[in-house]
């Protein structure tokens, strides 16, 4: 062998040994990393919530309706779903309790809820509905209630106040 190389052989034995060592290390690393494994689980929401608000702007001092529609997209009937109206800080009065409890909601069915809200002053307020059933809590996408400038009339006296 007078310095001739065989076709297809560019590296010597040392390069082959280095590749074998790297391959063994790659197999060994995941086994060492298995000691620091984090596990979790995914809980699929059995319900969906959609919130609708009036077209802007809502008038100061006059009730506006905030509506929620809850769909049971699961395979089991759900009992005692609590819907809670959540409002951004501001001058808003809810005419009745911000919580509404729905009785049974069968699979594939929907339920509706509504709240009368009276804005005390102009501004923009974030509105969403939170649903809880058993240990599961879900929030609707947030909506923006825009209230126009105007004179406060005396009709916004009684209700639940969200400062």
N, C-alpha and C. Protein backbone atom coordinates (compact mmCIF):
# COMPACT_ATOMS: atom_id res chain seq x y z
N UNK A 1 0.84 -1.17 0.00
CA UNK A 1 0.00 0.00 0.00
C UNK A 1 0.87 1.22 0.00
N UNK A 2 0.99 1.74 -1.09
CA UNK A 2 1.91 2.85 -1.29
C UNK A 2 1.18 4.18 -1.31
N UNK A 3 0.46 4.50 -0.25
CA UNK A 3 -0.21 5.78 -0.14
C UNK A 3 -1.46 5.91 -0.96
N UNK A 4 -1.86 4.82 -1.59
CA UNK A 4 -3.10 4.88 -2.36
C UNK A 4 -4.32 4.75 -1.45
N UNK A 5 -5.34 5.53 -1.68
CA UNK A 5 -6.58 5.44 -0.90
C UNK A 5 -7.62 4.68 -1.70
N UNK A 6 -8.43 3.95 -0.99
CA UNK A 6 -9.52 3.25 -1.65
C UNK A 6 -10.65 4.23 -1.92
N UNK A 7 -11.39 4.04 -2.99
CA UNK A 7 -12.50 4.97 -3.29
C UNK A 7 -13.53 5.00 -2.15
N UNK A 8 -14.01 6.21 -1.82
CA UNK A 8 -15.03 6.39 -0.79
C UNK A 8 -14.48 6.45 0.62
N UNK A 9 -13.20 6.27 0.82
CA UNK A 9 -12.61 6.35 2.17
C UNK A 9 -11.82 7.63 2.28
N UNK A 10 -12.34 8.58 2.99
CA UNK A 10 -11.65 9.84 3.13
C UNK A 10 -11.04 10.00 4.51
N UNK A 11 -11.65 9.36 5.51
CA UNK A 11 -11.18 9.51 6.88
C UNK A 11 -10.53 8.22 7.34
N UNK A 12 -9.63 8.35 8.26
CA UNK A 12 -8.95 7.18 8.78
C UNK A 12 -9.74 6.54 9.90
N UNK A 13 -9.13 5.62 10.60
CA UNK A 13 -9.77 4.88 11.70
C UNK A 13 -10.11 5.80 12.86
N UNK A 14 -9.34 6.85 13.08
CA UNK A 14 -9.63 7.75 14.20
C UNK A 14 -10.95 8.49 14.02
N UNK A 15 -11.31 8.84 12.80
CA UNK A 15 -12.59 9.50 12.54
C UNK A 15 -13.74 8.55 12.79
N UNK A 16 -13.60 7.29 12.42
CA UNK A 16 -14.64 6.30 12.66
C UNK A 16 -14.85 6.09 14.13
N UNK A 17 -13.79 6.08 14.91
CA UNK A 17 -13.89 5.91 16.35
C UNK A 17 -14.60 7.11 16.98
N UNK A 18 -14.32 8.32 16.51
CA UNK A 18 -14.96 9.52 17.03
C UNK A 18 -16.46 9.49 16.78
N UNK A 19 -16.88 9.04 15.59
CA UNK A 19 -18.31 8.95 15.28
C UNK A 19 -18.97 7.93 16.19
N UNK A 20 -18.34 6.81 16.45
CA UNK A 20 -18.90 5.78 17.32
C UNK A 20 -19.05 6.29 18.75
N UNK A 21 -18.07 7.07 19.24
CA UNK A 21 -18.15 7.63 20.59
C UNK A 21 -19.28 8.63 20.69
N UNK A 22 -19.46 9.50 19.68
CA UNK A 22 -20.55 10.48 19.68
C UNK A 22 -21.91 9.79 19.66
N UNK A 23 -22.05 8.74 18.88
CA UNK A 23 -23.31 8.01 18.81
C UNK A 23 -23.64 7.39 20.16
N UNK A 24 -22.66 6.84 20.84
CA UNK A 24 -22.89 6.27 22.17
C UNK A 24 -23.27 7.36 23.16
N UNK A 25 -22.67 8.53 23.07
CA UNK A 25 -23.00 9.64 23.96
C UNK A 25 -24.42 10.11 23.73
N UNK A 26 -24.86 10.15 22.46
CA UNK A 26 -26.21 10.58 22.15
C UNK A 26 -27.24 9.62 22.75
N UNK A 27 -26.92 8.34 22.79
CA UNK A 27 -27.82 7.38 23.39
C UNK A 27 -27.81 7.52 24.90
N UNK A 28 -26.70 7.87 25.47
CA UNK A 28 -26.55 7.95 26.90
C UNK A 28 -27.21 9.21 27.49
N UNK A 29 -27.20 10.34 26.79
CA UNK A 29 -27.70 11.61 27.32
C UNK A 29 -29.18 11.55 27.70
N UNK A 30 -30.10 11.03 26.85
CA UNK A 30 -31.50 10.99 27.26
C UNK A 30 -31.73 10.15 28.51
N UNK A 31 -30.95 9.09 28.70
CA UNK A 31 -31.13 8.28 29.89
C UNK A 31 -30.78 9.09 31.14
N UNK A 32 -29.76 9.92 31.06
CA UNK A 32 -29.38 10.76 32.19
C UNK A 32 -30.43 11.85 32.41
N UNK A 33 -31.01 12.37 31.34
CA UNK A 33 -32.00 13.45 31.46
C UNK A 33 -33.33 12.93 31.99
N UNK A 34 -33.57 11.63 31.94
CA UNK A 34 -34.84 11.07 32.40
C UNK A 34 -35.06 11.31 33.89
N UNK A 35 -34.04 11.59 34.65
CA UNK A 35 -34.18 11.86 36.07
C UNK A 35 -34.90 13.18 36.32
N UNK A 36 -34.84 14.12 35.39
CA UNK A 36 -35.42 15.45 35.55
C UNK A 36 -36.63 15.64 34.65
N UNK A 37 -37.52 14.68 34.61
CA UNK A 37 -38.68 14.72 33.72
C UNK A 37 -39.82 15.47 34.41
N UNK A 38 -40.48 16.34 33.66
CA UNK A 38 -41.66 17.04 34.14
C UNK A 38 -42.86 16.47 33.41
N UNK A 39 -43.88 16.06 34.15
CA UNK A 39 -45.07 15.52 33.51
C UNK A 39 -46.25 16.43 33.81
N UNK A 40 -47.27 16.32 33.01
CA UNK A 40 -48.48 17.12 33.20
C UNK A 40 -49.63 16.45 32.48
N UNK A 41 -50.79 17.08 32.55
CA UNK A 41 -51.94 16.58 31.82
C UNK A 41 -52.72 17.76 31.26
N UNK A 42 -53.49 17.48 30.26
CA UNK A 42 -54.29 18.50 29.60
C UNK A 42 -55.76 18.22 29.92
N UNK A 43 -56.46 19.23 30.38
CA UNK A 43 -57.88 19.11 30.65
C UNK A 43 -58.62 19.86 29.55
N UNK A 44 -59.43 19.14 28.82
CA UNK A 44 -60.18 19.75 27.72
C UNK A 44 -61.45 20.37 28.29
N UNK A 45 -61.70 21.61 27.91
CA UNK A 45 -62.87 22.35 28.42
C UNK A 45 -64.16 21.70 27.94
N UNK A 46 -65.07 21.36 28.87
CA UNK A 46 -66.34 20.77 28.46
C UNK A 46 -67.36 21.80 27.99
N UNK A 47 -67.03 23.10 28.14
CA UNK A 47 -67.96 24.15 27.74
C UNK A 47 -67.23 25.25 26.97
N UNK A 48 -68.00 25.99 26.19
CA UNK A 48 -67.50 27.21 25.56
C UNK A 48 -68.42 28.35 25.98
N UNK A 49 -67.87 29.55 26.01
CA UNK A 49 -68.64 30.73 26.40
C UNK A 49 -68.46 31.81 25.35
N UNK A 50 -69.55 32.41 24.95
CA UNK A 50 -69.50 33.56 24.04
C UNK A 50 -70.24 34.71 24.70
N UNK A 51 -69.64 35.88 24.69
CA UNK A 51 -70.24 37.06 25.31
C UNK A 51 -70.52 38.09 24.23
N UNK A 52 -71.69 38.69 24.30
CA UNK A 52 -72.02 39.76 23.36
C UNK A 52 -72.41 41.01 24.14
N UNK A 53 -71.99 42.13 23.59
CA UNK A 53 -72.30 43.43 24.20
C UNK A 53 -72.93 44.30 23.11
N UNK A 54 -73.60 45.39 23.50
CA UNK A 54 -74.22 46.25 22.50
C UNK A 54 -73.18 46.95 21.63
N UNK A 55 -73.61 47.31 20.45
CA UNK A 55 -72.73 48.06 19.54
C UNK A 55 -72.34 49.38 20.20
N UNK A 56 -71.10 49.79 20.04
CA UNK A 56 -70.68 51.05 20.68
C UNK A 56 -71.29 52.25 19.99
N UNK A 57 -71.41 53.34 20.67
CA UNK A 57 -71.17 53.50 22.10
C UNK A 57 -72.44 53.26 22.89
N UNK A 58 -72.29 52.75 24.10
CA UNK A 58 -73.42 52.61 25.03
C UNK A 58 -73.61 53.96 25.72
N UNK A 59 -74.84 54.34 26.01
CA UNK A 59 -75.07 55.64 26.64
C UNK A 59 -74.86 55.61 28.15
N UNK A 60 -74.35 56.69 28.69
CA UNK A 60 -74.23 56.85 30.14
C UNK A 60 -75.63 56.90 30.74
N UNK A 61 -75.83 56.22 31.88
CA UNK A 61 -77.08 56.31 32.60
C UNK A 61 -78.22 55.48 32.07
N UNK A 62 -78.00 54.68 31.06
CA UNK A 62 -79.06 53.83 30.50
C UNK A 62 -78.57 52.37 30.51
N UNK A 63 -79.46 51.47 30.90
CA UNK A 63 -79.09 50.06 30.97
C UNK A 63 -78.67 49.51 29.60
N UNK A 64 -77.64 48.70 29.64
CA UNK A 64 -77.23 47.94 28.45
C UNK A 64 -77.24 46.47 28.83
N UNK A 65 -77.54 45.61 27.86
CA UNK A 65 -77.59 44.16 28.12
C UNK A 65 -76.27 43.52 27.73
N UNK A 66 -75.74 42.74 28.64
CA UNK A 66 -74.57 41.91 28.36
C UNK A 66 -75.08 40.48 28.38
N UNK A 67 -74.85 39.77 27.28
CA UNK A 67 -75.40 38.42 27.13
C UNK A 67 -74.27 37.39 27.04
N UNK A 68 -74.55 36.23 27.59
CA UNK A 68 -73.60 35.11 27.50
C UNK A 68 -74.34 33.89 26.99
N UNK A 69 -73.66 33.13 26.14
CA UNK A 69 -74.18 31.86 25.66
C UNK A 69 -73.16 30.78 26.00
N UNK A 70 -73.61 29.76 26.70
CA UNK A 70 -72.75 28.67 27.14
C UNK A 70 -73.15 27.41 26.38
N UNK A 71 -72.18 26.75 25.77
CA UNK A 71 -72.42 25.50 25.04
C UNK A 71 -71.73 24.36 25.76
N UNK A 72 -72.45 23.26 25.97
CA UNK A 72 -71.85 22.05 26.52
C UNK A 72 -71.33 21.23 25.33
N UNK A 73 -70.02 21.26 25.14
CA UNK A 73 -69.40 20.53 24.03
C UNK A 73 -68.86 19.18 24.49
N UNK A 74 -69.11 18.84 25.74
CA UNK A 74 -68.66 17.57 26.29
C UNK A 74 -69.66 16.47 26.02
N UNK A 75 -69.40 15.32 26.62
CA UNK A 75 -70.26 14.15 26.43
C UNK A 75 -71.11 13.85 27.66
N UNK A 76 -70.97 14.63 28.72
CA UNK A 76 -71.74 14.40 29.95
C UNK A 76 -72.58 15.63 30.26
N UNK A 77 -73.67 15.40 30.96
CA UNK A 77 -74.51 16.49 31.41
C UNK A 77 -73.77 17.24 32.53
N UNK A 78 -73.90 18.56 32.54
CA UNK A 78 -73.22 19.38 33.55
C UNK A 78 -74.28 20.04 34.43
N UNK A 79 -74.11 19.90 35.74
CA UNK A 79 -75.05 20.48 36.70
C UNK A 79 -74.39 21.59 37.49
N UNK A 80 -75.13 22.66 37.72
CA UNK A 80 -74.65 23.73 38.58
C UNK A 80 -73.53 24.56 38.00
N UNK A 81 -73.65 24.97 36.77
CA UNK A 81 -72.65 25.86 36.17
C UNK A 81 -72.90 27.27 36.71
N UNK A 82 -71.88 27.86 37.32
CA UNK A 82 -71.99 29.22 37.84
C UNK A 82 -71.34 30.18 36.85
N UNK A 83 -72.13 31.12 36.36
CA UNK A 83 -71.62 32.16 35.47
C UNK A 83 -71.45 33.43 36.30
N UNK A 84 -70.28 34.03 36.21
CA UNK A 84 -70.00 35.25 36.96
C UNK A 84 -69.58 36.34 35.99
N UNK A 85 -70.29 37.45 36.00
CA UNK A 85 -69.95 38.59 35.17
C UNK A 85 -68.75 39.29 35.79
N UNK A 86 -67.71 39.50 34.99
CA UNK A 86 -66.51 40.20 35.45
C UNK A 86 -66.39 41.50 34.65
N UNK A 87 -66.28 42.60 35.37
CA UNK A 87 -66.19 43.91 34.74
C UNK A 87 -64.92 44.60 35.18
N UNK A 88 -64.30 45.27 34.24
CA UNK A 88 -63.12 46.08 34.53
C UNK A 88 -63.51 47.18 35.51
N UNK A 89 -62.55 47.59 36.30
CA UNK A 89 -62.81 48.68 37.23
C UNK A 89 -63.36 49.89 36.50
N UNK A 90 -64.30 50.53 37.09
CA UNK A 90 -64.93 51.70 36.48
C UNK A 90 -66.26 51.93 37.13
N UNK A 91 -67.01 52.77 36.59
CA UNK A 91 -68.30 53.12 37.17
C UNK A 91 -69.41 52.36 36.47
N UNK A 92 -69.59 51.10 36.85
CA UNK A 92 -70.63 50.27 36.26
C UNK A 92 -71.46 49.63 37.37
N UNK A 93 -72.77 49.64 37.19
CA UNK A 93 -73.68 48.98 38.12
C UNK A 93 -74.34 47.81 37.42
N UNK A 94 -74.36 46.66 38.09
CA UNK A 94 -75.08 45.49 37.58
C UNK A 94 -76.40 45.44 38.34
N UNK A 95 -77.50 45.35 37.62
CA UNK A 95 -78.83 45.44 38.24
C UNK A 95 -79.16 44.28 39.17
N UNK A 96 -78.61 43.09 38.89
CA UNK A 96 -78.83 41.98 39.81
C UNK A 96 -77.49 41.34 40.11
N UNK A 97 -77.49 40.28 40.86
CA UNK A 97 -76.24 39.64 41.24
C UNK A 97 -75.39 39.33 40.00
N UNK A 98 -74.07 39.51 40.10
CA UNK A 98 -73.21 39.19 38.97
C UNK A 98 -73.09 37.68 38.75
N UNK A 99 -73.63 36.85 39.67
CA UNK A 99 -73.58 35.40 39.51
C UNK A 99 -74.95 34.84 39.12
N UNK A 100 -74.93 33.96 38.13
CA UNK A 100 -76.13 33.25 37.70
C UNK A 100 -75.76 31.77 37.69
N UNK A 101 -76.61 30.94 38.32
CA UNK A 101 -76.36 29.50 38.35
C UNK A 101 -77.32 28.83 37.36
N UNK A 102 -76.73 28.08 36.45
CA UNK A 102 -77.51 27.31 35.48
C UNK A 102 -77.75 25.92 36.05
N UNK A 103 -78.92 25.39 35.84
CA UNK A 103 -79.19 24.02 36.33
C UNK A 103 -78.48 23.04 35.41
N UNK A 104 -79.12 22.03 34.97
CA UNK A 104 -78.49 21.00 34.13
C UNK A 104 -78.35 21.48 32.69
N UNK A 105 -77.20 21.16 32.10
CA UNK A 105 -76.95 21.47 30.69
C UNK A 105 -76.49 20.18 30.03
N UNK A 106 -77.36 19.62 29.20
CA UNK A 106 -77.08 18.33 28.55
C UNK A 106 -76.04 18.50 27.44
N UNK A 107 -75.38 17.41 27.07
CA UNK A 107 -74.38 17.46 25.99
C UNK A 107 -74.99 17.99 24.70
N UNK A 108 -74.25 18.87 24.03
CA UNK A 108 -74.71 19.44 22.77
C UNK A 108 -75.74 20.54 22.90
N UNK A 109 -76.13 20.88 24.12
CA UNK A 109 -77.13 21.92 24.34
C UNK A 109 -76.46 23.22 24.78
N UNK A 110 -77.23 24.30 24.73
CA UNK A 110 -76.71 25.60 25.14
C UNK A 110 -77.69 26.29 26.07
N UNK A 111 -77.15 27.21 26.85
CA UNK A 111 -77.96 28.01 27.76
C UNK A 111 -77.54 29.46 27.59
N UNK A 112 -78.47 30.35 27.89
CA UNK A 112 -78.21 31.78 27.76
C UNK A 112 -78.43 32.47 29.10
N UNK A 113 -77.67 33.53 29.30
CA UNK A 113 -77.81 34.36 30.50
C UNK A 113 -77.62 35.81 30.07
N UNK A 114 -78.18 36.72 30.85
CA UNK A 114 -78.05 38.15 30.53
C UNK A 114 -78.01 38.97 31.82
N UNK A 115 -77.29 40.08 31.73
CA UNK A 115 -77.19 41.01 32.84
C UNK A 115 -77.50 42.41 32.31
N UNK A 116 -78.21 43.20 33.09
CA UNK A 116 -78.42 44.61 32.78
C UNK A 116 -77.35 45.39 33.54
N UNK A 117 -76.57 46.18 32.80
CA UNK A 117 -75.49 46.97 33.38
C UNK A 117 -75.76 48.43 33.07
N UNK A 118 -75.60 49.28 34.09
CA UNK A 118 -75.83 50.71 33.92
C UNK A 118 -74.51 51.46 34.11
N UNK A 119 -73.98 52.05 33.04
CA UNK A 119 -72.74 52.83 33.16
C UNK A 119 -73.00 54.19 33.80
N UNK A 120 -72.15 54.54 34.76
CA UNK A 120 -72.29 55.82 35.45
C UNK A 120 -71.51 56.95 34.77
N UNK A 121 -70.46 56.59 34.02
CA UNK A 121 -69.69 57.61 33.31
C UNK A 121 -69.06 57.01 32.06
N UNK A 122 -68.63 57.87 31.18
CA UNK A 122 -68.06 57.41 29.91
C UNK A 122 -66.70 56.75 30.14
N UNK A 123 -66.32 55.95 29.16
CA UNK A 123 -65.03 55.26 29.23
C UNK A 123 -65.11 53.94 28.50
N UNK A 124 -64.04 53.17 28.60
CA UNK A 124 -63.98 51.84 27.99
C UNK A 124 -63.76 50.83 29.10
N UNK A 125 -64.56 49.78 29.10
CA UNK A 125 -64.53 48.80 30.19
C UNK A 125 -64.42 47.38 29.62
N UNK A 126 -63.54 46.59 30.21
CA UNK A 126 -63.37 45.20 29.80
C UNK A 126 -64.46 44.37 30.47
N UNK A 127 -65.11 43.52 29.66
CA UNK A 127 -66.21 42.68 30.14
C UNK A 127 -65.89 41.24 29.77
N UNK A 128 -66.08 40.33 30.72
CA UNK A 128 -65.98 38.90 30.40
C UNK A 128 -66.84 38.12 31.37
N UNK A 129 -67.08 36.86 31.04
CA UNK A 129 -67.88 35.98 31.88
C UNK A 129 -67.02 34.79 32.26
N UNK A 130 -67.05 34.46 33.54
CA UNK A 130 -66.31 33.30 34.04
C UNK A 130 -67.33 32.21 34.35
N UNK A 131 -67.05 31.00 33.89
CA UNK A 131 -67.92 29.86 34.18
C UNK A 131 -67.16 28.88 35.04
N UNK A 132 -67.82 28.36 36.06
CA UNK A 132 -67.20 27.33 36.89
C UNK A 132 -68.20 26.20 37.09
N UNK A 133 -67.69 25.00 36.93
CA UNK A 133 -68.49 23.80 37.16
C UNK A 133 -67.55 22.76 37.76
N UNK A 134 -67.97 22.18 38.88
CA UNK A 134 -67.11 21.27 39.64
C UNK A 134 -65.81 22.01 39.97
N UNK A 135 -64.66 21.48 39.58
CA UNK A 135 -63.38 22.16 39.84
C UNK A 135 -62.84 22.86 38.61
N UNK A 136 -63.65 22.98 37.58
CA UNK A 136 -63.19 23.55 36.31
C UNK A 136 -63.64 25.00 36.21
N UNK A 137 -62.73 25.90 35.83
CA UNK A 137 -63.04 27.33 35.66
C UNK A 137 -62.58 27.75 34.28
N UNK A 138 -63.43 28.45 33.57
CA UNK A 138 -63.13 28.92 32.22
C UNK A 138 -63.61 30.35 32.07
N UNK A 139 -62.84 31.18 31.36
CA UNK A 139 -63.25 32.55 31.10
C UNK A 139 -63.52 32.74 29.62
N UNK A 140 -64.49 33.57 29.33
CA UNK A 140 -64.81 33.90 27.94
C UNK A 140 -63.75 34.83 27.38
N UNK A 141 -63.72 34.98 26.08
CA UNK A 141 -62.88 36.05 25.52
C UNK A 141 -63.39 37.40 26.04
N UNK A 142 -62.50 38.33 26.27
CA UNK A 142 -62.87 39.65 26.78
C UNK A 142 -63.49 40.49 25.68
N UNK A 143 -64.42 41.31 26.06
CA UNK A 143 -65.06 42.27 25.16
C UNK A 143 -64.85 43.66 25.74
N UNK A 144 -64.94 44.66 24.89
CA UNK A 144 -64.75 46.04 25.33
C UNK A 144 -66.07 46.78 25.22
N UNK A 145 -66.57 47.22 26.37
CA UNK A 145 -67.79 48.02 26.42
C UNK A 145 -67.38 49.49 26.38
N UNK A 146 -67.77 50.17 25.32
CA UNK A 146 -67.43 51.58 25.16
C UNK A 146 -68.67 52.41 25.50
N UNK A 147 -68.49 53.33 26.44
CA UNK A 147 -69.60 54.16 26.93
C UNK A 147 -69.35 55.59 26.49
N UNK A 148 -70.38 56.19 25.85
CA UNK A 148 -70.25 57.55 25.33
C UNK A 148 -70.42 58.58 26.44
N UNK A 149 -69.92 59.76 26.14
CA UNK A 149 -70.10 60.88 27.06
C UNK A 149 -71.58 61.20 27.13
N UNK A 150 -71.96 61.68 28.25
CA UNK A 150 -73.36 62.05 28.40
C UNK A 150 -73.63 62.46 29.83
N UNK A 151 -74.84 62.89 30.04
CA UNK A 151 -75.25 63.34 31.36
C UNK A 151 -75.74 62.13 32.15
N UNK A 152 -75.26 62.00 33.37
CA UNK A 152 -75.70 60.91 34.25
C UNK A 152 -77.13 61.19 34.67
N UNK A 153 -78.02 60.22 34.37
CA UNK A 153 -79.37 60.41 34.89
C UNK A 153 -79.51 59.58 36.17
N UNK A 154 -80.54 59.82 36.89
CA UNK A 154 -80.69 59.25 38.23
C UNK A 154 -81.16 57.79 38.20
N UNK A 155 -81.29 57.18 37.03
CA UNK A 155 -81.81 55.81 36.97
C UNK A 155 -80.77 54.78 37.40
N UNK A 156 -79.50 55.13 37.47
CA UNK A 156 -78.45 54.20 37.88
C UNK A 156 -78.20 54.27 39.38
N UNK A 157 -79.19 53.94 40.19
CA UNK A 157 -79.03 54.05 41.62
C UNK A 157 -78.77 52.69 42.27
N UNK A 158 -79.59 51.71 41.95
CA UNK A 158 -79.51 50.43 42.65
C UNK A 158 -78.80 49.37 41.81
N UNK A 159 -78.01 48.58 42.47
CA UNK A 159 -77.34 47.48 41.77
C UNK A 159 -76.01 47.15 42.42
N UNK A 160 -75.34 46.20 41.84
CA UNK A 160 -74.01 45.78 42.29
C UNK A 160 -73.00 46.71 41.65
N UNK A 161 -72.18 47.33 42.46
CA UNK A 161 -71.23 48.32 41.97
C UNK A 161 -69.84 47.68 41.75
N UNK A 162 -69.27 47.93 40.59
CA UNK A 162 -67.90 47.50 40.30
C UNK A 162 -67.02 48.73 40.26
N UNK A 163 -66.31 49.03 41.35
CA UNK A 163 -65.54 50.27 41.42
C UNK A 163 -64.37 50.28 40.46
